[in-house]
Amino acid sequence: MAPSGGNPGIPLTLGPDARPSPRPAGFRFQDLRHYYASLLIASGADVKIVQHRVRHASAKTTLDTYGHLWPDTDESTRTAVERVMSAKLAESADSVRTSGDQ
């Protein structure tokens, strides 16, 4: 939540009277940060968005920490290459077939 009229990108600062609420045993704020990052990744956020949201200095840090959470793209890459190659081969076959018609 942003302060009234404030920039939502700036964290809210608590006053001196603020007291932390009780936390479950074993709870660490770092766990919440990891959970937040995993939700972003599961929602399809790219590495640069996650990097900025968890305030890592570099995308390398984000990938080193959370890289295993991004979905495997090998299959989608193979499918994309196959689709392009099939289209190019069909296009090439059509031009060979139609060039003999003249």
N, C-alpha and C. Protein backbone atom coordinates (compact mmCIF):
# COMPACT_ATOMS: atom_id res chain seq x y z
N MET A 1 0.84 -1.16 0.00
CA MET A 1 0.00 0.00 0.00
C MET A 1 0.89 1.23 0.00
N ALA A 2 0.56 2.17 -0.85
CA ALA A 2 1.37 3.39 -0.96
C ALA A 2 0.85 4.44 -0.01
N PRO A 3 1.73 5.29 0.49
CA PRO A 3 1.28 6.41 1.31
C PRO A 3 0.37 7.30 0.47
N SER A 4 -0.48 8.06 1.11
CA SER A 4 -1.41 8.94 0.41
C SER A 4 -0.65 9.86 -0.54
N GLY A 5 -0.97 9.76 -1.82
CA GLY A 5 -0.33 10.60 -2.82
C GLY A 5 1.10 10.18 -3.14
N GLY A 6 1.54 9.07 -2.58
CA GLY A 6 2.93 8.64 -2.78
C GLY A 6 3.08 7.74 -3.99
N ASN A 7 4.30 7.42 -4.26
CA ASN A 7 4.64 6.54 -5.37
C ASN A 7 4.49 5.09 -4.90
N PRO A 8 3.66 4.27 -5.57
CA PRO A 8 3.49 2.88 -5.13
C PRO A 8 4.75 2.04 -5.24
N GLY A 9 5.78 2.54 -5.94
CA GLY A 9 7.02 1.80 -6.06
C GLY A 9 7.94 1.98 -4.86
N ILE A 10 7.62 2.93 -3.99
CA ILE A 10 8.45 3.19 -2.81
C ILE A 10 7.83 2.46 -1.62
N PRO A 11 8.63 1.68 -0.89
CA PRO A 11 8.08 0.93 0.25
C PRO A 11 7.50 1.86 1.31
N LEU A 12 6.47 1.39 1.95
CA LEU A 12 5.84 2.14 3.03
C LEU A 12 6.75 2.10 4.25
N THR A 13 6.97 3.25 4.86
CA THR A 13 7.80 3.32 6.05
C THR A 13 6.90 3.35 7.27
N LEU A 14 7.21 2.51 8.25
CA LEU A 14 6.41 2.45 9.47
C LEU A 14 6.95 3.44 10.48
N GLY A 15 6.05 4.00 11.27
CA GLY A 15 6.45 4.95 12.29
C GLY A 15 7.05 4.26 13.50
N PRO A 16 7.56 5.05 14.47
CA PRO A 16 8.21 4.47 15.64
C PRO A 16 7.25 3.69 16.54
N ASP A 17 5.94 3.91 16.42
CA ASP A 17 4.97 3.20 17.25
C ASP A 17 4.60 1.83 16.68
N ALA A 18 5.02 1.57 15.48
CA ALA A 18 4.65 0.30 14.83
C ALA A 18 5.32 -0.86 15.55
N ARG A 19 4.54 -1.89 15.80
CA ARG A 19 5.08 -3.10 16.44
C ARG A 19 4.83 -4.28 15.51
N PRO A 20 5.81 -5.14 15.40
CA PRO A 20 5.61 -6.30 14.54
C PRO A 20 4.54 -7.22 15.12
N SER A 21 3.73 -7.77 14.23
CA SER A 21 2.73 -8.72 14.69
C SER A 21 3.41 -10.07 14.94
N PRO A 22 2.79 -10.90 15.77
CA PRO A 22 3.39 -12.21 16.03
C PRO A 22 3.50 -13.02 14.75
N ARG A 23 4.59 -13.76 14.63
CA ARG A 23 4.82 -14.58 13.45
C ARG A 23 4.82 -16.04 13.87
N PRO A 24 4.43 -16.91 12.94
CA PRO A 24 4.49 -18.35 13.24
C PRO A 24 5.93 -18.76 13.54
N ALA A 25 6.08 -19.78 14.33
CA ALA A 25 7.41 -20.29 14.66
C ALA A 25 8.13 -20.69 13.38
N GLY A 26 9.38 -20.31 13.27
CA GLY A 26 10.17 -20.68 12.11
C GLY A 26 9.97 -19.78 10.91
N PHE A 27 9.08 -18.80 10.99
CA PHE A 27 8.82 -17.91 9.86
C PHE A 27 10.01 -16.96 9.67
N ARG A 28 10.40 -16.81 8.41
CA ARG A 28 11.43 -15.84 8.06
C ARG A 28 10.89 -14.98 6.92
N PHE A 29 11.20 -13.69 6.94
CA PHE A 29 10.75 -12.83 5.86
C PHE A 29 11.35 -13.26 4.52
N GLN A 30 12.52 -13.87 4.55
CA GLN A 30 13.15 -14.39 3.34
C GLN A 30 12.26 -15.45 2.70
N ASP A 31 11.55 -16.24 3.51
CA ASP A 31 10.63 -17.26 2.97
C ASP A 31 9.50 -16.59 2.20
N LEU A 32 9.02 -15.48 2.73
CA LEU A 32 7.95 -14.73 2.05
C LEU A 32 8.46 -14.18 0.72
N ARG A 33 9.69 -13.72 0.72
CA ARG A 33 10.30 -13.19 -0.50
C ARG A 33 10.41 -14.30 -1.56
N HIS A 34 10.85 -15.49 -1.15
CA HIS A 34 10.95 -16.61 -2.09
C HIS A 34 9.56 -17.00 -2.61
N TYR A 35 8.59 -16.98 -1.74
CA TYR A 35 7.22 -17.32 -2.15
C TYR A 35 6.72 -16.30 -3.18
N TYR A 36 6.97 -15.03 -2.92
CA TYR A 36 6.56 -13.96 -3.84
C TYR A 36 7.22 -14.16 -5.20
N ALA A 37 8.52 -14.43 -5.22
CA ALA A 37 9.23 -14.65 -6.49
C ALA A 37 8.66 -15.86 -7.22
N SER A 38 8.36 -16.93 -6.49
CA SER A 38 7.82 -18.13 -7.14
C SER A 38 6.44 -17.87 -7.72
N LEU A 39 5.64 -17.03 -7.06
CA LEU A 39 4.32 -16.68 -7.62
C LEU A 39 4.48 -15.88 -8.91
N LEU A 40 5.41 -14.95 -8.92
CA LEU A 40 5.65 -14.16 -10.13
C LEU A 40 6.06 -15.07 -11.29
N ILE A 41 6.97 -15.98 -11.02
CA ILE A 41 7.46 -16.89 -12.06
C ILE A 41 6.34 -17.80 -12.55
N ALA A 42 5.56 -18.35 -11.64
CA ALA A 42 4.44 -19.23 -12.02
C ALA A 42 3.39 -18.47 -12.83
N SER A 43 3.32 -17.16 -12.63
CA SER A 43 2.36 -16.34 -13.36
C SER A 43 2.88 -15.91 -14.73
N GLY A 44 4.12 -16.30 -15.05
CA GLY A 44 4.67 -16.00 -16.37
C GLY A 44 5.56 -14.77 -16.42
N ALA A 45 5.93 -14.21 -15.29
CA ALA A 45 6.81 -13.03 -15.29
C ALA A 45 8.19 -13.42 -15.79
N ASP A 46 8.81 -12.51 -16.56
CA ASP A 46 10.15 -12.81 -17.05
C ASP A 46 11.19 -12.44 -15.99
N VAL A 47 12.42 -12.81 -16.28
CA VAL A 47 13.49 -12.68 -15.29
C VAL A 47 13.72 -11.22 -14.87
N LYS A 48 13.59 -10.28 -15.80
CA LYS A 48 13.82 -8.88 -15.45
C LYS A 48 12.75 -8.35 -14.50
N ILE A 49 11.52 -8.77 -14.68
CA ILE A 49 10.45 -8.34 -13.77
C ILE A 49 10.71 -8.89 -12.37
N VAL A 50 11.02 -10.17 -12.29
CA VAL A 50 11.29 -10.78 -10.98
C VAL A 50 12.51 -10.13 -10.35
N GLN A 51 13.54 -9.88 -11.13
CA GLN A 51 14.74 -9.22 -10.61
C GLN A 51 14.39 -7.90 -9.94
N HIS A 52 13.61 -7.09 -10.61
CA HIS A 52 13.26 -5.78 -10.05
C HIS A 52 12.35 -5.91 -8.82
N ARG A 53 11.41 -6.83 -8.86
CA ARG A 53 10.47 -6.98 -7.74
C ARG A 53 11.14 -7.48 -6.46
N VAL A 54 12.15 -8.35 -6.60
CA VAL A 54 12.83 -8.85 -5.40
C VAL A 54 14.12 -8.07 -5.14
N ARG A 55 14.34 -7.04 -5.96
CA ARG A 55 15.44 -6.10 -5.79
C ARG A 55 16.82 -6.74 -5.84
N HIS A 56 16.99 -7.63 -6.81
CA HIS A 56 18.32 -8.17 -7.05
C HIS A 56 19.09 -7.17 -7.90
N ALA A 57 20.39 -7.09 -7.68
CA ALA A 57 21.23 -6.16 -8.44
C ALA A 57 21.38 -6.61 -9.89
N SER A 58 21.29 -7.91 -10.15
CA SER A 58 21.46 -8.39 -11.52
C SER A 58 20.50 -9.54 -11.80
N ALA A 59 20.22 -9.72 -13.08
CA ALA A 59 19.38 -10.85 -13.50
C ALA A 59 20.09 -12.17 -13.23
N LYS A 60 21.42 -12.16 -13.23
CA LYS A 60 22.18 -13.37 -12.94
C LYS A 60 21.87 -13.89 -11.54
N THR A 61 21.78 -13.00 -10.57
CA THR A 61 21.44 -13.40 -9.21
C THR A 61 20.06 -14.04 -9.18
N THR A 62 19.11 -13.42 -9.89
CA THR A 62 17.75 -13.95 -9.95
C THR A 62 17.74 -15.34 -10.59
N LEU A 63 18.45 -15.49 -11.70
CA LEU A 63 18.49 -16.79 -12.38
C LEU A 63 19.22 -17.84 -11.54
N ASP A 64 20.29 -17.43 -10.87
CA ASP A 64 21.02 -18.38 -10.02
C ASP A 64 20.14 -18.87 -8.88
N THR A 65 19.29 -18.00 -8.37
CA THR A 65 18.44 -18.34 -7.22
C THR A 65 17.16 -19.05 -7.64
N TYR A 66 16.52 -18.57 -8.70
CA TYR A 66 15.18 -19.05 -9.06
C TYR A 66 15.10 -19.70 -10.44
N GLY A 67 16.22 -19.88 -11.10
CA GLY A 67 16.21 -20.42 -12.47
C GLY A 67 15.49 -21.74 -12.60
N HIS A 68 15.57 -22.58 -11.58
CA HIS A 68 14.91 -23.89 -11.63
C HIS A 68 13.39 -23.79 -11.62
N LEU A 69 12.85 -22.63 -11.30
CA LEU A 69 11.39 -22.47 -11.23
C LEU A 69 10.76 -22.10 -12.58
N TRP A 70 11.56 -21.57 -13.50
CA TRP A 70 11.00 -21.24 -14.80
C TRP A 70 10.73 -22.53 -15.56
N PRO A 71 9.63 -22.56 -16.32
CA PRO A 71 9.30 -23.79 -17.05
C PRO A 71 10.36 -24.12 -18.10
N ASP A 72 10.51 -25.41 -18.37
CA ASP A 72 11.45 -25.89 -19.36
C ASP A 72 10.95 -25.45 -20.74
N THR A 73 11.79 -24.80 -21.49
CA THR A 73 11.37 -24.30 -22.81
C THR A 73 11.92 -25.13 -23.96
N ASP A 74 12.59 -26.23 -23.65
CA ASP A 74 13.15 -27.06 -24.73
C ASP A 74 12.08 -27.52 -25.71
N GLU A 75 10.97 -28.01 -25.19
CA GLU A 75 9.91 -28.54 -26.07
C GLU A 75 9.29 -27.42 -26.91
N SER A 76 9.02 -26.26 -26.31
CA SER A 76 8.43 -25.17 -27.08
C SER A 76 9.41 -24.65 -28.13
N THR A 77 10.71 -24.68 -27.83
CA THR A 77 11.72 -24.27 -28.79
C THR A 77 11.77 -25.24 -29.97
N ARG A 78 11.74 -26.54 -29.66
CA ARG A 78 11.73 -27.54 -30.73
C ARG A 78 10.49 -27.37 -31.62
N THR A 79 9.36 -27.15 -31.00
CA THR A 79 8.11 -26.98 -31.74
C THR A 79 8.18 -25.75 -32.65
N ALA A 80 8.73 -24.65 -32.14
CA ALA A 80 8.84 -23.43 -32.95
C ALA A 80 9.76 -23.64 -34.14
N VAL A 81 10.90 -24.29 -33.93
CA VAL A 81 11.83 -24.55 -35.04
C VAL A 81 11.19 -25.48 -36.05
N GLU A 82 10.52 -26.51 -35.57
CA GLU A 82 9.86 -27.46 -36.47
C GLU A 82 8.80 -26.75 -37.32
N ARG A 83 8.04 -25.86 -36.71
CA ARG A 83 7.00 -25.13 -37.43
C ARG A 83 7.61 -24.27 -38.54
N VAL A 84 8.67 -23.55 -38.23
CA VAL A 84 9.31 -22.68 -39.22
C VAL A 84 9.94 -23.52 -40.34
N MET A 85 10.64 -24.58 -39.96
CA MET A 85 11.28 -25.42 -40.97
C MET A 85 10.25 -26.09 -41.87
N SER A 86 9.16 -26.55 -41.31
CA SER A 86 8.10 -27.18 -42.11
C SER A 86 7.52 -26.19 -43.10
N ALA A 87 7.32 -24.95 -42.65
CA ALA A 87 6.78 -23.93 -43.54
C ALA A 87 7.76 -23.61 -44.67
N LYS A 88 9.05 -23.51 -44.32
CA LYS A 88 10.07 -23.23 -45.34
C LYS A 88 10.19 -24.37 -46.34
N LEU A 89 10.14 -25.61 -45.85
CA LEU A 89 10.21 -26.76 -46.75
C LEU A 89 9.00 -26.83 -47.66
N ALA A 90 7.83 -26.55 -47.13
CA ALA A 90 6.61 -26.55 -47.95
C ALA A 90 6.68 -25.44 -49.01
N GLU A 91 7.19 -24.29 -48.61
CA GLU A 91 7.35 -23.16 -49.53
C GLU A 91 8.33 -23.52 -50.64
N SER A 92 9.43 -24.15 -50.26
CA SER A 92 10.44 -24.57 -51.23
C SER A 92 9.88 -25.63 -52.18
N ALA A 93 9.14 -26.58 -51.65
CA ALA A 93 8.54 -27.63 -52.49
C ALA A 93 7.54 -27.04 -53.45
N ASP A 94 6.76 -26.04 -53.02
CA ASP A 94 5.79 -25.39 -53.89
C ASP A 94 6.50 -24.66 -55.04
N SER A 95 7.61 -23.98 -54.72
CA SER A 95 8.30 -23.24 -55.78
C SER A 95 8.96 -24.19 -56.78
N VAL A 96 9.44 -25.33 -56.33
CA VAL A 96 10.02 -26.32 -57.26
C VAL A 96 8.91 -26.89 -58.13
N ARG A 97 7.78 -27.22 -57.54
CA ARG A 97 6.67 -27.81 -58.27
C ARG A 97 6.10 -26.82 -59.29
N THR A 98 5.94 -25.55 -58.90
CA THR A 98 5.34 -24.58 -59.81
C THR A 98 6.31 -24.06 -60.85
N SER A 99 7.63 -24.14 -60.59
CA SER A 99 8.59 -23.64 -61.60
C SER A 99 8.64 -24.58 -62.82
N GLY A 100 8.26 -25.81 -62.67
CA GLY A 100 8.25 -26.75 -63.82
C GLY A 100 7.01 -26.59 -64.67
N ASP A 101 6.02 -25.84 -64.21
CA ASP A 101 4.77 -25.66 -64.95
C ASP A 101 4.89 -24.66 -66.09
N GLN A 102 5.96 -23.92 -66.18
CA GLN A 102 6.04 -22.84 -67.15
C GLN A 102 6.50 -23.31 -68.47
